[in-house]
Amino acid sequence: MPKSRIVQVTTLAMLLAGCANSNNSGSDRAETNTLGEPRPLDVNTLAPPRHSGLISDYARLRPSPEFPGTLVWRSDKLGQYKRFIVDPVVVVPSETSRGLPLTEKDKQRLAADFRYELVDILQATYPVITVPAPRTARIKTAITEVARSAGPNNDWFRWEGGAAAEMEIVDSLTGEPLASAIDSSLVKTRESGKVTDPYSDTKLVFRSWAARLGKMLLNLNAK
């Protein structure tokens, strides 16, 4: 990954501004990107994650001390689990954060990409199975916002891609909650020009989230 591309977490309080052209009235600069999306007031923000209903108790989520903008909760019991089931990822939105439709093919790809990253990081250390069993945790995930990356029609700005998601980890047999989190991230980049894959940044966010999950579980087991 180029050094200039760094995943940064956006604060949950930031709102995606709507289409605006008052700041550039009379300008010959393009007001849409190469995907046809209108230019928001700030192209580097993402809508705050919506509640999908996946998490059993949103009230106990607290700001992460390690990752600004992330809300987390964790039971001390999580460190007792040594095997994992990764459920199919749910994709909640029907359109991107900037108003373009998400097709069923897009949703299937995003769900598959996120689940692949989770399974890939987990199976390096733990058995990933499909049948509930003792000391086996189930990971449930929902993508709640998607921002596609796209190059501008000229060189004066760039739309950055990312996603927002919810996760809950539960006991695979009883459904007892063990951990939950909400996050919203964009990929910050200095690169300009044409974007060949509008979901390449989103996949980098999935990879970053999976790596953080793997690190958390390793730290728990090291105690």
C-alpha atoms as a PDB file:
ATOM      1  CA  MET A   1       0.000   0.000   0.000  1.00  0.00           C
ATOM      2  CA  PRO A   2       1.516   3.413  -0.910  1.00  0.00           C
ATOM      3  CA  LYS A   3       2.888   5.304   2.038  1.00  0.00           C
ATOM      4  CA  SER A   4       0.641   8.235   1.239  1.00  0.00           C
ATOM      5  CA  ARG A   5      -2.487   6.177   1.851  1.00  0.00           C
ATOM      6  CA  ILE A   6      -3.339   6.154   5.539  1.00  0.00           C
ATOM      7  CA  VAL A   7      -6.591   4.986   7.009  1.00  0.00           C
ATOM      8  CA  GLN A   8      -7.879   7.648   9.377  1.00  0.00           C
ATOM      9  CA  VAL A   9     -10.977   7.322  11.516  1.00  0.00           C
ATOM     10  CA  THR A  10     -13.509  10.102  11.111  1.00  0.00           C
ATOM     11  CA  THR A  11     -15.355  11.331  14.179  1.00  0.00           C
ATOM     12  CA  LEU A  12     -18.879  10.060  14.567  1.00  0.00           C
ATOM     13  CA  ALA A  13     -20.178  13.598  14.939  1.00  0.00           C
ATOM     14  CA  MET A  14     -19.144  14.635  11.410  1.00  0.00           C
ATOM     15  CA  LEU A  15     -22.006  14.930   8.972  1.00  0.00           C
ATOM     16  CA  LEU A  16     -21.730  14.446   5.242  1.00  0.00           C
ATOM     17  CA  ALA A  17     -22.635  17.788   3.738  1.00  0.00           C
ATOM     18  CA  GLY A  18     -24.992  17.926   0.784  1.00  0.00           C
ATOM     19  CA  CYS A  19     -24.327  19.075  -2.709  1.00  0.00           C
ATOM     20  CA  ALA A  20     -23.135  22.674  -2.797  1.00  0.00           C
ATOM     21  CA  ASN A  21     -21.873  24.887  -5.543  1.00  0.00           C
ATOM     22  CA  SER A  22     -22.232  28.313  -3.940  1.00  0.00           C
ATOM     23  CA  ASN A  23     -18.532  28.398  -3.028  1.00  0.00           C
ATOM     24  CA  ASN A  24     -17.551  27.929  -6.648  1.00  0.00           C
ATOM     25  CA  SER A  25     -20.220  29.880  -8.508  1.00  0.00           C
ATOM     26  CA  GLY A  26     -18.797  31.142 -11.739  1.00  0.00           C
ATOM     27  CA  SER A  27     -15.948  28.642 -11.557  1.00  0.00           C
ATOM     28  CA  ASP A  28     -15.230  26.324 -14.458  1.00  0.00           C
ATOM     29  CA  ARG A  29     -14.249  23.564 -12.016  1.00  0.00           C
ATOM     30  CA  ALA A  30     -16.340  20.413 -12.242  1.00  0.00           C
ATOM     31  CA  GLU A  31     -19.071  19.905  -9.634  1.00  0.00           C
ATOM     32  CA  THR A  32     -19.228  16.139 -10.147  1.00  0.00           C
ATOM     33  CA  ASN A  33     -16.578  13.452  -9.986  1.00  0.00           C
ATOM     34  CA  THR A  34     -15.915  10.699 -12.501  1.00  0.00           C
ATOM     35  CA  LEU A  35     -18.714   8.599 -10.970  1.00  0.00           C
ATOM     36  CA  GLY A  36     -21.247  11.386 -11.455  1.00  0.00           C
ATOM     37  CA  GLU A  37     -21.562  12.106  -7.720  1.00  0.00           C
ATOM     38  CA  PRO A  38     -22.196  15.745  -6.731  1.00  0.00           C
ATOM     39  CA  ARG A  39     -19.495  17.610  -4.843  1.00  0.00           C
ATOM     40  CA  PRO A  40     -20.258  17.834  -1.100  1.00  0.00           C
ATOM     41  CA  LEU A  41     -19.062  20.730   1.055  1.00  0.00           C
ATOM     42  CA  ASP A  42     -16.296  18.533   2.427  1.00  0.00           C
ATOM     43  CA  VAL A  43     -15.313  15.558   0.294  1.00  0.00           C
ATOM     44  CA  ASN A  44     -13.297  14.098   3.170  1.00  0.00           C
ATOM     45  CA  THR A  45     -16.175  13.329   5.544  1.00  0.00           C
ATOM     46  CA  LEU A  46     -18.478  10.366   5.980  1.00  0.00           C
ATOM     47  CA  ALA A  47     -21.974  10.265   7.406  1.00  0.00           C
ATOM     48  CA  PRO A  48     -22.126   9.087  11.029  1.00  0.00           C
ATOM     49  CA  PRO A  49     -22.896   5.372  11.270  1.00  0.00           C
ATOM     50  CA  ARG A  50     -26.580   4.527  11.545  1.00  0.00           C
ATOM     51  CA  HIS A  51     -27.859   1.986  14.039  1.00  0.00           C
ATOM     52  CA  SER A  52     -28.750  -1.189  12.182  1.00  0.00           C
ATOM     53  CA  GLY A  53     -30.140  -3.054  15.186  1.00  0.00           C
ATOM     54  CA  LEU A  54     -27.331  -5.613  15.049  1.00  0.00           C
ATOM     55  CA  ILE A  55     -25.912  -4.580  18.441  1.00  0.00           C
ATOM     56  CA  SER A  56     -27.932  -5.737  21.432  1.00  0.00           C
ATOM     57  CA  ASP A  57     -27.150  -2.736  23.671  1.00  0.00           C
ATOM     58  CA  TYR A  58     -25.950   0.528  22.125  1.00  0.00           C
ATOM     59  CA  ALA A  59     -26.040   2.339  25.483  1.00  0.00           C
ATOM     60  CA  ARG A  60     -22.968   0.573  26.866  1.00  0.00           C
ATOM     61  CA  LEU A  61     -20.705   1.543  23.961  1.00  0.00           C
ATOM     62  CA  ARG A  62     -17.938   3.947  24.964  1.00  0.00           C
ATOM     63  CA  PRO A  63     -15.228   5.853  23.031  1.00  0.00           C
ATOM     64  CA  SER A  64     -12.191   3.703  22.325  1.00  0.00           C
ATOM     65  CA  PRO A  65      -9.043   4.876  24.159  1.00  0.00           C
ATOM     66  CA  GLU A  66      -6.944   3.636  21.238  1.00  0.00           C
ATOM     67  CA  PHE A  67      -8.959   4.641  18.157  1.00  0.00           C
ATOM     68  CA  PRO A  68     -10.600   8.100  18.223  1.00  0.00           C
ATOM     69  CA  GLY A  69     -14.107   8.063  16.786  1.00  0.00           C
ATOM     70  CA  THR A  70     -14.645   4.369  17.524  1.00  0.00           C
ATOM     71  CA  LEU A  71     -17.240   3.200  20.041  1.00  0.00           C
ATOM     72  CA  VAL A  72     -16.538  -0.114  21.790  1.00  0.00           C
ATOM     73  CA  TRP A  73     -17.663  -2.428  24.568  1.00  0.00           C
ATOM     74  CA  ARG A  74     -16.063  -5.719  25.650  1.00  0.00           C
ATOM     75  CA  SER A  75     -16.769  -8.394  28.227  1.00  0.00           C
ATOM     76  CA  ASP A  76     -13.888  -9.912  30.161  1.00  0.00           C
ATOM     77  CA  LYS A  77     -15.206 -13.305  29.052  1.00  0.00           C
ATOM     78  CA  LEU A  78     -14.100 -12.770  25.439  1.00  0.00           C
ATOM     79  CA  GLY A  79     -10.559 -13.941  26.188  1.00  0.00           C
ATOM     80  CA  GLN A  80     -11.916 -17.412  26.989  1.00  0.00           C
ATOM     81  CA  TYR A  81     -12.974 -18.040  23.368  1.00  0.00           C
ATOM     82  CA  LYS A  82     -10.550 -19.838  21.073  1.00  0.00           C
ATOM     83  CA  ARG A  83     -12.677 -20.558  17.982  1.00  0.00           C
ATOM     84  CA  PHE A  84     -14.813 -18.314  15.825  1.00  0.00           C
ATOM     85  CA  ILE A  85     -17.748 -18.376  13.439  1.00  0.00           C
ATOM     86  CA  VAL A  86     -17.912 -15.460  10.988  1.00  0.00           C
ATOM     87  CA  ASP A  87     -21.462 -14.829   9.827  1.00  0.00           C
ATOM     88  CA  PRO A  88     -22.210 -13.441   6.354  1.00  0.00           C
ATOM     89  CA  VAL A  89     -21.887  -9.656   6.442  1.00  0.00           C
ATOM     90  CA  VAL A  90     -25.100  -7.635   6.176  1.00  0.00           C
ATOM     91  CA  VAL A  91     -25.072  -4.547   3.915  1.00  0.00           C
ATOM     92  CA  VAL A  92     -27.671  -2.058   5.173  1.00  0.00           C
ATOM     93  CA  PRO A  93     -27.625   0.953   2.804  1.00  0.00           C
ATOM     94  CA  SER A  94     -29.242   0.938  -0.627  1.00  0.00           C
ATOM     95  CA  GLU A  95     -27.129   3.869  -1.806  1.00  0.00           C
ATOM     96  CA  THR A  96     -23.702   5.334  -1.128  1.00  0.00           C
ATOM     97  CA  SER A  97     -23.126   8.197   1.288  1.00  0.00           C
ATOM     98  CA  ARG A  98     -23.069  10.516  -1.719  1.00  0.00           C
ATOM     99  CA  GLY A  99     -26.355   9.333  -3.130  1.00  0.00           C
ATOM    100  CA  LEU A 100     -25.568   6.786  -5.852  1.00  0.00           C
ATOM    101  CA  PRO A 101     -27.402   3.427  -5.827  1.00  0.00           C
ATOM    102  CA  LEU A 102     -25.704   0.347  -4.420  1.00  0.00           C
ATOM    103  CA  THR A 103     -26.581  -2.527  -6.714  1.00  0.00           C
ATOM    104  CA  GLU A 104     -27.100  -6.058  -5.447  1.00  0.00           C
ATOM    105  CA  LYS A 105     -23.807  -6.961  -7.113  1.00  0.00           C
ATOM    106  CA  ASP A 106     -22.101  -4.128  -5.200  1.00  0.00           C
ATOM    107  CA  LYS A 107     -23.617  -5.330  -1.923  1.00  0.00           C
ATOM    108  CA  GLN A 108     -22.567  -8.923  -2.529  1.00  0.00           C
ATOM    109  CA  ARG A 109     -19.033  -7.841  -3.314  1.00  0.00           C
ATOM    110  CA  LEU A 110     -18.751  -5.594  -0.242  1.00  0.00           C
ATOM    111  CA  ALA A 111     -20.139  -8.320   2.026  1.00  0.00           C
ATOM    112  CA  ALA A 112     -17.783 -10.926   0.572  1.00  0.00           C
ATOM    113  CA  ASP A 113     -14.753  -8.626   0.770  1.00  0.00           C
ATOM    114  CA  PHE A 114     -15.361  -7.739   4.426  1.00  0.00           C
ATOM    115  CA  ARG A 115     -16.004 -11.328   5.476  1.00  0.00           C
ATOM    116  CA  TYR A 116     -12.875 -12.468   3.607  1.00  0.00           C
ATOM    117  CA  GLU A 117     -10.723  -9.976   5.533  1.00  0.00           C
ATOM    118  CA  LEU A 118     -12.186 -11.113   8.868  1.00  0.00           C
ATOM    119  CA  VAL A 119     -11.730 -14.813   8.130  1.00  0.00           C
ATOM    120  CA  ASP A 120      -8.245 -14.245   6.733  1.00  0.00           C
ATOM    121  CA  ILE A 121      -6.978 -12.485   9.853  1.00  0.00           C
ATOM    122  CA  LEU A 122      -8.670 -14.861  12.297  1.00  0.00           C
ATOM    123  CA  GLN A 123      -7.631 -18.150  10.731  1.00  0.00           C
ATOM    124  CA  ALA A 124      -3.972 -17.193  11.007  1.00  0.00           C
ATOM    125  CA  THR A 125      -4.317 -17.822  14.760  1.00  0.00           C
ATOM    126  CA  TYR A 126      -7.654 -19.492  15.486  1.00  0.00           C
ATOM    127  CA  PRO A 127      -9.876 -22.193  14.006  1.00  0.00           C
ATOM    128  CA  VAL A 128     -12.679 -20.609  11.987  1.00  0.00           C
ATOM    129  CA  ILE A 129     -15.600 -23.032  11.955  1.00  0.00           C
ATOM    130  CA  THR A 130     -19.236 -23.031  10.837  1.00  0.00           C
ATOM    131  CA  VAL A 131     -21.078 -24.983  13.563  1.00  0.00           C
ATOM    132  CA  PRO A 132     -21.806 -23.568  17.054  1.00  0.00           C
ATOM    133  CA  ALA A 133     -19.729 -25.203  19.777  1.00  0.00           C
ATOM    134  CA  PRO A 134     -18.452 -24.566  23.321  1.00  0.00           C
ATOM    135  CA  ARG A 135     -15.883 -21.744  23.682  1.00  0.00           C
ATOM    136  CA  THR A 136     -16.749 -20.600  20.155  1.00  0.00           C
ATOM    137  CA  ALA A 137     -17.678 -16.996  19.466  1.00  0.00           C
ATOM    138  CA  ARG A 138     -19.858 -15.817  16.599  1.00  0.00           C
ATOM    139  CA  ILE A 139     -18.946 -12.567  14.825  1.00  0.00           C
ATOM    140  CA  LYS A 140     -21.841 -10.589  13.371  1.00  0.00           C
ATOM    141  CA  THR A 141     -21.172  -7.552  11.184  1.00  0.00           C
ATOM    142  CA  ALA A 142     -23.235  -4.963   9.328  1.00  0.00           C
ATOM    143  CA  ILE A 143     -21.964  -2.358   6.853  1.00  0.00           C
ATOM    144  CA  THR A 144     -24.003   0.774   7.520  1.00  0.00           C
ATOM    145  CA  GLU A 145     -22.406   3.356   5.215  1.00  0.00           C
ATOM    146  CA  VAL A 146     -20.340   3.125   2.032  1.00  0.00           C
ATOM    147  CA  ALA A 147     -18.353   5.907   0.371  1.00  0.00           C
ATOM    148  CA  ARG A 148     -16.911   5.104  -3.032  1.00  0.00           C
ATOM    149  CA  SER A 149     -13.572   6.582  -4.074  1.00  0.00           C
ATOM    150  CA  ALA A 150     -13.358   8.406  -7.380  1.00  0.00           C
ATOM    151  CA  GLY A 151     -11.030  10.718  -9.235  1.00  0.00           C
ATOM    152  CA  PRO A 152     -12.137  14.262 -10.059  1.00  0.00           C
ATOM    153  CA  ASN A 153     -12.925  15.576 -13.502  1.00  0.00           C
ATOM    154  CA  ASN A 154      -9.882  17.775 -12.960  1.00  0.00           C
ATOM    155  CA  ASP A 155      -7.128  17.914 -10.349  1.00  0.00           C
ATOM    156  CA  TRP A 156      -8.555  20.192  -7.664  1.00  0.00           C
ATOM    157  CA  PHE A 157     -10.078  17.605  -5.325  1.00  0.00           C
ATOM    158  CA  ARG A 158     -10.672  13.871  -4.938  1.00  0.00           C
ATOM    159  CA  TRP A 159     -13.460  11.824  -3.383  1.00  0.00           C
ATOM    160  CA  GLU A 160     -12.053   9.454  -0.776  1.00  0.00           C
ATOM    161  CA  GLY A 161     -13.591   6.045  -0.119  1.00  0.00           C
ATOM    162  CA  GLY A 162     -14.435   4.252   3.086  1.00  0.00           C
ATOM    163  CA  ALA A 163     -17.217   2.716   5.128  1.00  0.00           C
ATOM    164  CA  ALA A 164     -19.015   2.603   8.452  1.00  0.00           C
ATOM    165  CA  ALA A 165     -19.915  -0.630  10.200  1.00  0.00           C
ATOM    166  CA  GLU A 166     -21.212  -2.288  13.336  1.00  0.00           C
ATOM    167  CA  MET A 167     -19.934  -5.515  14.874  1.00  0.00           C
ATOM    168  CA  GLU A 168     -21.073  -7.706  17.727  1.00  0.00           C
ATOM    169  CA  ILE A 169     -19.384 -10.856  19.009  1.00  0.00           C
ATOM    170  CA  VAL A 170     -21.581 -13.337  20.882  1.00  0.00           C
ATOM    171  CA  ASP A 171     -21.360 -16.810  22.368  1.00  0.00           C
ATOM    172  CA  SER A 172     -22.242 -19.178  19.520  1.00  0.00           C
ATOM    173  CA  LEU A 173     -24.432 -21.371  21.732  1.00  0.00           C
ATOM    174  CA  THR A 174     -26.176 -18.942  24.064  1.00  0.00           C
ATOM    175  CA  GLY A 175     -26.025 -15.669  22.117  1.00  0.00           C
ATOM    176  CA  GLU A 176     -24.570 -13.876  25.147  1.00  0.00           C
ATOM    177  CA  PRO A 177     -22.896 -10.634  23.960  1.00  0.00           C
ATOM    178  CA  LEU A 178     -19.119 -10.594  24.375  1.00  0.00           C
ATOM    179  CA  ALA A 179     -18.068  -7.435  22.526  1.00  0.00           C
ATOM    180  CA  SER A 180     -19.443  -4.789  20.196  1.00  0.00           C
ATOM    181  CA  ALA A 181     -18.155  -1.824  18.213  1.00  0.00           C
ATOM    182  CA  ILE A 182     -19.132   0.938  15.801  1.00  0.00           C
ATOM    183  CA  ASP A 183     -16.626   2.588  13.499  1.00  0.00           C
ATOM    184  CA  SER A 184     -16.489   4.959  10.552  1.00  0.00           C
ATOM    185  CA  SER A 185     -13.363   5.352   8.414  1.00  0.00           C
ATOM    186  CA  LEU A 186     -12.104   6.951   5.230  1.00  0.00           C
ATOM    187  CA  VAL A 187      -8.823   6.339   3.419  1.00  0.00           C
ATOM    188  CA  LYS A 188      -6.813   9.542   3.240  1.00  0.00           C
ATOM    189  CA  THR A 189      -4.669   9.835   0.155  1.00  0.00           C
ATOM    190  CA  ARG A 190      -2.644  12.403  -1.739  1.00  0.00           C
ATOM    191  CA  GLU A 191      -3.001  10.482  -4.952  1.00  0.00           C
ATOM    192  CA  SER A 192      -4.943  12.088  -7.768  1.00  0.00           C
ATOM    193  CA  GLY A 193      -6.178  10.971 -11.131  1.00  0.00           C
ATOM    194  CA  LYS A 194      -8.496   8.255 -12.319  1.00  0.00           C
ATOM    195  CA  VAL A 195      -9.740   5.647  -9.853  1.00  0.00           C
ATOM    196  CA  THR A 196     -10.144   2.254 -11.517  1.00  0.00           C
ATOM    197  CA  ASP A 197     -11.907   0.527  -8.601  1.00  0.00           C
ATOM    198  CA  PRO A 198     -14.374   2.708  -6.644  1.00  0.00           C
ATOM    199  CA  TYR A 199     -14.335   0.227  -3.744  1.00  0.00           C
ATOM    200  CA  SER A 200     -10.563  -0.127  -3.370  1.00  0.00           C
ATOM    201  CA  ASP A 201     -10.482   2.321  -0.447  1.00  0.00           C
ATOM    202  CA  THR A 202     -13.451   0.599   1.172  1.00  0.00           C
ATOM    203  CA  LYS A 203     -11.621  -2.721   1.074  1.00  0.00           C
ATOM    204  CA  LEU A 204      -8.594  -1.113   2.749  1.00  0.00           C
ATOM    205  CA  VAL A 205     -10.897   0.008   5.567  1.00  0.00           C
ATOM    206  CA  PHE A 206     -12.211  -3.566   5.903  1.00  0.00           C
ATOM    207  CA  ARG A 207      -8.631  -4.814   6.109  1.00  0.00           C
ATOM    208  CA  SER A 208      -7.759  -2.265   8.782  1.00  0.00           C
ATOM    209  CA  TRP A 209     -10.789  -3.232  10.891  1.00  0.00           C
ATOM    210  CA  ALA A 210      -9.956  -6.929  10.588  1.00  0.00           C
ATOM    211  CA  ALA A 211      -6.366  -6.268  11.664  1.00  0.00           C
ATOM    212  CA  ARG A 212      -7.572  -4.349  14.707  1.00  0.00           C
ATOM    213  CA  LEU A 213      -9.875  -7.233  15.668  1.00  0.00           C
ATOM    214  CA  GLY A 214      -7.027  -9.722  15.330  1.00  0.00           C
ATOM    215  CA  LYS A 215      -4.742  -7.567  17.467  1.00  0.00           C
ATOM    216  CA  MET A 216      -7.389  -7.178  20.175  1.00  0.00           C
ATOM    217  CA  LEU A 217      -7.947 -10.941  20.395  1.00  0.00           C
ATOM    218  CA  LEU A 218      -4.208 -11.663  20.522  1.00  0.00           C
ATOM    219  CA  ASN A 219      -3.785  -9.138  23.332  1.00  0.00           C
ATOM    220  CA  LEU A 220      -6.603 -10.771  25.300  1.00  0.00           C
ATOM    221  CA  ASN A 221      -5.085 -14.226  24.939  1.00  0.00           C
ATOM    222  CA  ALA A 222      -1.650 -12.936  25.937  1.00  0.00           C
ATOM    223  CA  LYS A 223      -2.923 -11.889  29.380  1.00  0.00           C
END
